[in-house]
Amino acid sequence: MNHVKHVIPMSDSSVSIKPEDIQPTVLPDAFIQSEIVRKLNTLSLPRYDQLPNVTLYRDQVIEYVALWMEPLSICVELLSLRHR
């Protein structure tokens, strides 16, 4: 017997939703093997004893933190594309 799953609309006047309407746009395996995940896997933050033991100006601190957080920049790019 062939069973087909149907999605029930929220109201009688709504358009029927087909299974292909709710398919993911990115398959999990493709995402796991993507450049984004590879970059995120390289994220490594310094331990406290690895931080410079010198007085830094604010701009220098921001630059230093930005250097370590660079692998996360892809997330910011993706969020900005999503909200366009």
N, C-alpha and C. Protein backbone atom coordinates (compact mmCIF):
# COMPACT_ATOMS: atom_id res chain seq x y z
N MET A 1 0.84 -1.17 0.00
CA MET A 1 0.00 0.00 0.00
C MET A 1 0.89 1.25 0.00
N ASN A 2 0.60 2.18 -0.86
CA ASN A 2 1.39 3.40 -0.99
C ASN A 2 0.78 4.50 -0.12
N HIS A 3 1.50 4.91 0.92
CA HIS A 3 1.02 5.97 1.81
C HIS A 3 1.71 7.27 1.45
N VAL A 4 0.92 8.29 1.17
CA VAL A 4 1.45 9.61 0.86
C VAL A 4 1.07 10.53 2.00
N LYS A 5 2.06 11.22 2.57
CA LYS A 5 1.79 12.15 3.65
C LYS A 5 1.25 13.44 3.06
N HIS A 6 0.24 13.98 3.69
CA HIS A 6 -0.34 15.24 3.26
C HIS A 6 -0.21 16.26 4.39
N VAL A 7 0.04 17.49 4.01
CA VAL A 7 0.09 18.58 4.99
C VAL A 7 -1.27 19.23 5.00
N ILE A 8 -1.84 19.36 6.18
CA ILE A 8 -3.19 19.93 6.30
C ILE A 8 -3.06 21.45 6.40
N PRO A 9 -3.78 22.20 5.55
CA PRO A 9 -3.71 23.66 5.61
C PRO A 9 -4.25 24.18 6.94
N MET A 10 -3.83 25.38 7.32
CA MET A 10 -4.25 25.98 8.59
C MET A 10 -5.70 26.45 8.56
N SER A 11 -6.24 26.71 7.41
CA SER A 11 -7.65 27.11 7.32
C SER A 11 -8.22 26.59 6.01
N ASP A 12 -9.52 26.64 5.91
CA ASP A 12 -10.18 26.13 4.70
C ASP A 12 -9.89 26.98 3.47
N SER A 13 -9.56 28.24 3.67
CA SER A 13 -9.33 29.12 2.53
C SER A 13 -7.86 29.20 2.11
N SER A 14 -6.98 28.52 2.82
CA SER A 14 -5.56 28.60 2.47
C SER A 14 -5.22 27.64 1.33
N VAL A 15 -4.15 27.94 0.68
CA VAL A 15 -3.68 27.11 -0.42
C VAL A 15 -3.07 25.84 0.15
N SER A 16 -3.31 24.74 -0.51
CA SER A 16 -2.74 23.48 -0.06
C SER A 16 -1.22 23.52 -0.16
N ILE A 17 -0.58 22.93 0.81
CA ILE A 17 0.88 22.87 0.84
C ILE A 17 1.30 21.50 0.34
N LYS A 18 2.16 21.48 -0.65
CA LYS A 18 2.64 20.22 -1.20
C LYS A 18 3.93 19.82 -0.50
N PRO A 19 4.25 18.53 -0.44
CA PRO A 19 5.48 18.10 0.23
C PRO A 19 6.73 18.80 -0.30
N GLU A 20 6.79 19.08 -1.59
CA GLU A 20 7.97 19.75 -2.14
C GLU A 20 8.09 21.20 -1.67
N ASP A 21 6.99 21.78 -1.18
CA ASP A 21 7.04 23.15 -0.65
C ASP A 21 7.81 23.23 0.66
N ILE A 22 7.92 22.12 1.35
CA ILE A 22 8.59 22.15 2.66
C ILE A 22 9.92 21.40 2.67
N GLN A 23 10.43 21.10 1.50
CA GLN A 23 11.73 20.45 1.40
C GLN A 23 12.82 21.44 1.79
N PRO A 24 13.85 20.98 2.50
CA PRO A 24 14.94 21.91 2.85
C PRO A 24 15.67 22.38 1.60
N THR A 25 16.14 23.62 1.64
CA THR A 25 16.86 24.14 0.48
C THR A 25 18.32 23.69 0.49
N VAL A 26 18.84 23.39 1.67
CA VAL A 26 20.20 22.88 1.78
C VAL A 26 20.13 21.57 2.54
N LEU A 27 20.58 20.51 1.92
CA LEU A 27 20.55 19.22 2.59
C LEU A 27 21.60 19.20 3.70
N PRO A 28 21.31 18.56 4.83
CA PRO A 28 22.25 18.56 5.95
C PRO A 28 23.65 18.08 5.57
N ASP A 29 23.76 17.02 4.78
CA ASP A 29 25.09 16.52 4.40
C ASP A 29 25.86 17.56 3.60
N ALA A 30 25.16 18.26 2.71
CA ALA A 30 25.83 19.29 1.91
C ALA A 30 26.31 20.42 2.81
N PHE A 31 25.51 20.79 3.80
CA PHE A 31 25.91 21.85 4.72
C PHE A 31 27.11 21.42 5.56
N ILE A 32 27.08 20.20 6.07
CA ILE A 32 28.16 19.71 6.91
C ILE A 32 29.49 19.70 6.16
N GLN A 33 29.44 19.47 4.86
CA GLN A 33 30.66 19.42 4.06
C GLN A 33 30.98 20.76 3.41
N SER A 34 30.25 21.80 3.76
CA SER A 34 30.41 23.09 3.11
C SER A 34 31.62 23.88 3.64
N GLU A 35 31.97 24.90 2.90
CA GLU A 35 33.06 25.80 3.27
C GLU A 35 32.73 26.52 4.57
N ILE A 36 31.47 26.82 4.80
CA ILE A 36 31.06 27.51 6.02
C ILE A 36 31.43 26.68 7.24
N VAL A 37 31.06 25.41 7.24
CA VAL A 37 31.34 24.55 8.38
C VAL A 37 32.84 24.32 8.52
N ARG A 38 33.54 24.22 7.42
CA ARG A 38 34.99 24.06 7.51
C ARG A 38 35.62 25.26 8.21
N LYS A 39 35.16 26.47 7.87
CA LYS A 39 35.69 27.67 8.52
C LYS A 39 35.33 27.70 10.00
N LEU A 40 34.11 27.33 10.32
CA LEU A 40 33.70 27.34 11.72
C LEU A 40 34.48 26.31 12.54
N ASN A 41 34.83 25.21 11.92
CA ASN A 41 35.62 24.20 12.63
C ASN A 41 37.03 24.67 12.91
N THR A 42 37.50 25.69 12.22
CA THR A 42 38.84 26.21 12.47
C THR A 42 38.87 27.24 13.58
N LEU A 43 37.70 27.61 14.09
CA LEU A 43 37.63 28.62 15.14
C LEU A 43 38.34 28.13 16.39
N SER A 44 39.29 28.89 16.82
CA SER A 44 40.06 28.56 18.02
C SER A 44 40.36 29.86 18.74
N LEU A 45 39.82 30.01 19.94
CA LEU A 45 40.04 31.23 20.70
C LEU A 45 41.23 31.05 21.63
N PRO A 46 41.97 32.13 21.88
CA PRO A 46 43.15 32.00 22.75
C PRO A 46 42.75 31.80 24.21
N ARG A 47 43.58 31.09 24.93
CA ARG A 47 43.40 30.96 26.38
C ARG A 47 43.91 32.24 27.03
N TYR A 48 43.51 32.43 28.25
CA TYR A 48 43.89 33.66 28.96
C TYR A 48 45.40 33.86 28.96
N ASP A 49 46.15 32.79 29.22
CA ASP A 49 47.61 32.93 29.28
C ASP A 49 48.24 33.16 27.91
N GLN A 50 47.47 33.04 26.84
CA GLN A 50 47.97 33.31 25.49
C GLN A 50 47.73 34.76 25.07
N LEU A 51 46.96 35.51 25.86
CA LEU A 51 46.69 36.90 25.53
C LEU A 51 47.95 37.74 25.74
N PRO A 52 48.13 38.78 24.94
CA PRO A 52 49.32 39.62 25.10
C PRO A 52 49.34 40.27 26.49
N ASN A 53 50.49 40.30 27.08
CA ASN A 53 50.64 40.88 28.41
C ASN A 53 51.21 42.30 28.30
N VAL A 54 50.59 43.08 27.45
CA VAL A 54 50.99 44.48 27.26
C VAL A 54 49.74 45.34 27.25
N THR A 55 49.92 46.61 27.53
CA THR A 55 48.80 47.54 27.48
C THR A 55 48.43 47.78 26.02
N LEU A 56 47.15 47.63 25.71
CA LEU A 56 46.68 47.82 24.34
C LEU A 56 45.67 48.96 24.28
N TYR A 57 45.69 49.69 23.19
CA TYR A 57 44.67 50.68 22.93
C TYR A 57 43.41 49.97 22.44
N ARG A 58 42.27 50.65 22.56
CA ARG A 58 41.00 50.05 22.17
C ARG A 58 41.03 49.51 20.75
N ASP A 59 41.56 50.27 19.81
CA ASP A 59 41.61 49.82 18.41
C ASP A 59 42.44 48.55 18.27
N GLN A 60 43.50 48.44 19.06
CA GLN A 60 44.33 47.25 19.00
C GLN A 60 43.60 46.03 19.56
N VAL A 61 42.82 46.23 20.62
CA VAL A 61 42.03 45.13 21.19
C VAL A 61 40.99 44.66 20.19
N ILE A 62 40.29 45.61 19.56
CA ILE A 62 39.27 45.27 18.57
C ILE A 62 39.89 44.50 17.41
N GLU A 63 41.03 44.96 16.93
CA GLU A 63 41.71 44.27 15.83
C GLU A 63 42.13 42.85 16.24
N TYR A 64 42.63 42.72 17.45
CA TYR A 64 43.09 41.42 17.95
C TYR A 64 41.91 40.44 18.06
N VAL A 65 40.80 40.91 18.63
CA VAL A 65 39.61 40.05 18.77
C VAL A 65 39.04 39.71 17.39
N ALA A 66 39.01 40.67 16.49
CA ALA A 66 38.50 40.43 15.14
C ALA A 66 39.32 39.37 14.42
N LEU A 67 40.62 39.36 14.65
CA LEU A 67 41.49 38.36 14.04
C LEU A 67 41.09 36.95 14.50
N TRP A 68 40.86 36.79 15.79
CA TRP A 68 40.49 35.48 16.32
C TRP A 68 39.07 35.07 15.92
N MET A 69 38.20 36.05 15.72
CA MET A 69 36.80 35.75 15.40
C MET A 69 36.53 35.66 13.90
N GLU A 70 37.53 35.82 13.08
CA GLU A 70 37.36 35.84 11.62
C GLU A 70 36.57 34.65 11.07
N PRO A 71 36.77 33.43 11.58
CA PRO A 71 35.97 32.32 11.04
C PRO A 71 34.46 32.52 11.19
N LEU A 72 34.03 33.32 12.15
CA LEU A 72 32.60 33.58 12.33
C LEU A 72 32.06 34.62 11.36
N SER A 73 32.94 35.31 10.64
CA SER A 73 32.48 36.36 9.72
C SER A 73 31.55 35.81 8.64
N ILE A 74 31.71 34.55 8.29
CA ILE A 74 30.84 33.94 7.29
C ILE A 74 29.39 33.90 7.79
N CYS A 75 29.20 33.76 9.10
CA CYS A 75 27.85 33.76 9.67
C CYS A 75 27.21 35.14 9.52
N VAL A 76 27.99 36.17 9.75
CA VAL A 76 27.49 37.54 9.61
C VAL A 76 27.11 37.80 8.16
N GLU A 77 27.93 37.33 7.22
CA GLU A 77 27.64 37.51 5.80
C GLU A 77 26.34 36.80 5.43
N LEU A 78 26.16 35.59 5.92
CA LEU A 78 24.96 34.83 5.61
C LEU A 78 23.71 35.50 6.18
N LEU A 79 23.81 36.02 7.40
CA LEU A 79 22.68 36.70 8.01
C LEU A 79 22.32 37.97 7.25
N SER A 80 23.32 38.69 6.77
CA SER A 80 23.04 39.91 6.02
C SER A 80 22.38 39.58 4.69
N LEU A 81 22.77 38.49 4.07
CA LEU A 81 22.13 38.08 2.80
C LEU A 81 20.69 37.64 3.05
N ARG A 82 20.46 36.99 4.17
CA ARG A 82 19.13 36.47 4.48
C ARG A 82 18.13 37.59 4.76
N HIS A 83 18.60 38.72 5.30
CA HIS A 83 17.70 39.80 5.68
C HIS A 83 17.55 40.86 4.59
N ARG A 84 17.99 40.56 3.40
CA ARG A 84 17.83 41.53 2.28
C ARG A 84 16.47 41.43 1.70
